[in-house]
Amino acid sequence: MDAPVWLLHLLTAGREKELVLRVHDADLSRQQLAEWMEAGAVHPLTVSRSGDEQTSTLLVNFRHVVGARLAQYGDGRSSAF
């Protein structure tokens, strides 16, 4: 399995805490996230949990995402929304 490429921080409507996903999709971009949020699209992402070597596909409904932040994996997780 390839190492995660991105940390995707999602803030969804009605939640106080962000969801942090370890994303393995190398072609993910900030522009794509903005387009998916604007369109309210449901999009699959290849993700893994911390400490887990297995990936899975997660369908994310970007209609409910009110904020997203994309960081290179390994840049740290020190800041939040």
C-alpha atoms as a PDB file:
ATOM      1  CA  MET A   1       0.000   0.000   0.000  1.00  0.00           C
ATOM      2  CA  ASP A   2       1.219   3.490  -0.815  1.00  0.00           C
ATOM      3  CA  ALA A   3       1.547   5.965   2.023  1.00  0.00           C
ATOM      4  CA  PRO A   4      -1.127   8.648   2.433  1.00  0.00           C
ATOM      5  CA  VAL A   5      -0.553  11.740   0.297  1.00  0.00           C
ATOM      6  CA  TRP A   6      -2.937  14.224   1.933  1.00  0.00           C
ATOM      7  CA  LEU A   7      -4.564  15.097   5.216  1.00  0.00           C
ATOM      8  CA  LEU A   8      -8.035  16.338   4.410  1.00  0.00           C
ATOM      9  CA  HIS A   9      -9.729  18.331   7.172  1.00  0.00           C
ATOM     10  CA  LEU A  10     -13.500  18.581   6.673  1.00  0.00           C
ATOM     11  CA  LEU A  11     -15.901  20.693   8.686  1.00  0.00           C
ATOM     12  CA  THR A  12     -19.481  19.590   8.141  1.00  0.00           C
ATOM     13  CA  ALA A  13     -22.736  21.383   8.848  1.00  0.00           C
ATOM     14  CA  GLY A  14     -23.945  20.910  12.411  1.00  0.00           C
ATOM     15  CA  ARG A  15     -20.605  19.628  13.755  1.00  0.00           C
ATOM     16  CA  GLU A  16     -18.213  21.484  16.024  1.00  0.00           C
ATOM     17  CA  LYS A  17     -15.177  19.326  15.292  1.00  0.00           C
ATOM     18  CA  GLU A  18     -13.538  18.623  11.982  1.00  0.00           C
ATOM     19  CA  LEU A  19     -13.092  15.203  10.459  1.00  0.00           C
ATOM     20  CA  VAL A  20      -9.501  14.428   9.470  1.00  0.00           C
ATOM     21  CA  LEU A  21      -8.997  11.917   6.668  1.00  0.00           C
ATOM     22  CA  ARG A  22      -5.736  10.339   5.526  1.00  0.00           C
ATOM     23  CA  VAL A  23      -6.222  10.414   1.745  1.00  0.00           C
ATOM     24  CA  HIS A  24      -4.266   8.257  -0.715  1.00  0.00           C
ATOM     25  CA  ASP A  25      -5.554   9.938  -3.920  1.00  0.00           C
ATOM     26  CA  ALA A  26      -2.471  11.746  -5.268  1.00  0.00           C
ATOM     27  CA  ASP A  27      -4.456  13.714  -7.850  1.00  0.00           C
ATOM     28  CA  LEU A  28      -6.690  15.433  -5.263  1.00  0.00           C
ATOM     29  CA  SER A  29      -6.552  19.251  -5.464  1.00  0.00           C
ATOM     30  CA  ARG A  30      -8.000  22.278  -3.724  1.00  0.00           C
ATOM     31  CA  GLN A  31      -9.771  23.173  -6.971  1.00  0.00           C
ATOM     32  CA  GLN A  32     -11.509  19.781  -7.033  1.00  0.00           C
ATOM     33  CA  LEU A  33     -12.642  20.205  -3.429  1.00  0.00           C
ATOM     34  CA  ALA A  34     -14.089  23.635  -4.224  1.00  0.00           C
ATOM     35  CA  GLU A  35     -15.930  22.284  -7.278  1.00  0.00           C
ATOM     36  CA  TRP A  36     -17.354  19.328  -5.333  1.00  0.00           C
ATOM     37  CA  MET A  37     -18.520  21.610  -2.520  1.00  0.00           C
ATOM     38  CA  GLU A  38     -20.107  24.072  -4.957  1.00  0.00           C
ATOM     39  CA  ALA A  39     -21.890  21.279  -6.821  1.00  0.00           C
ATOM     40  CA  GLY A  40     -22.857  19.371  -3.668  1.00  0.00           C
ATOM     41  CA  ALA A  41     -21.291  16.269  -5.214  1.00  0.00           C
ATOM     42  CA  VAL A  42     -20.835  12.848  -3.674  1.00  0.00           C
ATOM     43  CA  HIS A  43     -17.307  11.715  -4.401  1.00  0.00           C
ATOM     44  CA  PRO A  44     -15.297   8.585  -3.486  1.00  0.00           C
ATOM     45  CA  LEU A  45     -11.940   8.994  -1.725  1.00  0.00           C
ATOM     46  CA  THR A  46      -9.365   6.323  -0.917  1.00  0.00           C
ATOM     47  CA  VAL A  47      -8.624   6.703   2.805  1.00  0.00           C
ATOM     48  CA  SER A  48      -7.004   4.892   5.712  1.00  0.00           C
ATOM     49  CA  ARG A  49      -7.163   5.162   9.488  1.00  0.00           C
ATOM     50  CA  SER A  50      -4.155   6.105  11.572  1.00  0.00           C
ATOM     51  CA  GLY A  51      -2.177   2.998  12.440  1.00  0.00           C
ATOM     52  CA  ASP A  52      -4.025   0.910   9.847  1.00  0.00           C
ATOM     53  CA  GLU A  53      -2.283  -0.296   6.697  1.00  0.00           C
ATOM     54  CA  GLN A  54      -5.504  -1.101   4.842  1.00  0.00           C
ATOM     55  CA  THR A  55      -7.279   1.454   2.659  1.00  0.00           C
ATOM     56  CA  SER A  56     -10.971   1.724   1.939  1.00  0.00           C
ATOM     57  CA  THR A  57     -13.201   3.829  -0.272  1.00  0.00           C
ATOM     58  CA  LEU A  58     -15.220   6.476   1.538  1.00  0.00           C
ATOM     59  CA  LEU A  59     -18.074   8.261  -0.217  1.00  0.00           C
ATOM     60  CA  VAL A  60     -18.137  11.883   0.935  1.00  0.00           C
ATOM     61  CA  ASN A  61     -21.221  14.041   0.437  1.00  0.00           C
ATOM     62  CA  PHE A  62     -19.682  17.461  -0.152  1.00  0.00           C
ATOM     63  CA  ARG A  63     -23.125  19.088   0.057  1.00  0.00           C
ATOM     64  CA  HIS A  64     -22.735  18.985   3.847  1.00  0.00           C
ATOM     65  CA  VAL A  65     -19.130  20.259   3.907  1.00  0.00           C
ATOM     66  CA  VAL A  66     -18.887  23.912   4.976  1.00  0.00           C
ATOM     67  CA  GLY A  67     -15.080  24.053   5.146  1.00  0.00           C
ATOM     68  CA  ALA A  68     -12.196  21.997   3.832  1.00  0.00           C
ATOM     69  CA  ARG A  69      -8.446  22.210   4.274  1.00  0.00           C
ATOM     70  CA  LEU A  70      -5.942  20.100   2.380  1.00  0.00           C
ATOM     71  CA  ALA A  71      -2.380  19.575   3.663  1.00  0.00           C
ATOM     72  CA  GLN A  72       0.457  17.355   2.529  1.00  0.00           C
ATOM     73  CA  TYR A  73       0.586  14.258   4.706  1.00  0.00           C
ATOM     74  CA  GLY A  74       3.415  14.660   7.171  1.00  0.00           C
ATOM     75  CA  ASP A  75       3.135  18.476   7.403  1.00  0.00           C
ATOM     76  CA  GLY A  76       1.503  17.954  10.779  1.00  0.00           C
ATOM     77  CA  ARG A  77      -1.940  18.179  12.306  1.00  0.00           C
ATOM     78  CA  SER A  78      -1.427  21.013  14.729  1.00  0.00           C
ATOM     79  CA  SER A  79      -4.077  23.448  13.508  1.00  0.00           C
ATOM     80  CA  ALA A  80      -7.840  23.122  13.241  1.00  0.00           C
ATOM     81  CA  PHE A  81     -10.795  25.165  12.077  1.00  0.00           C
END
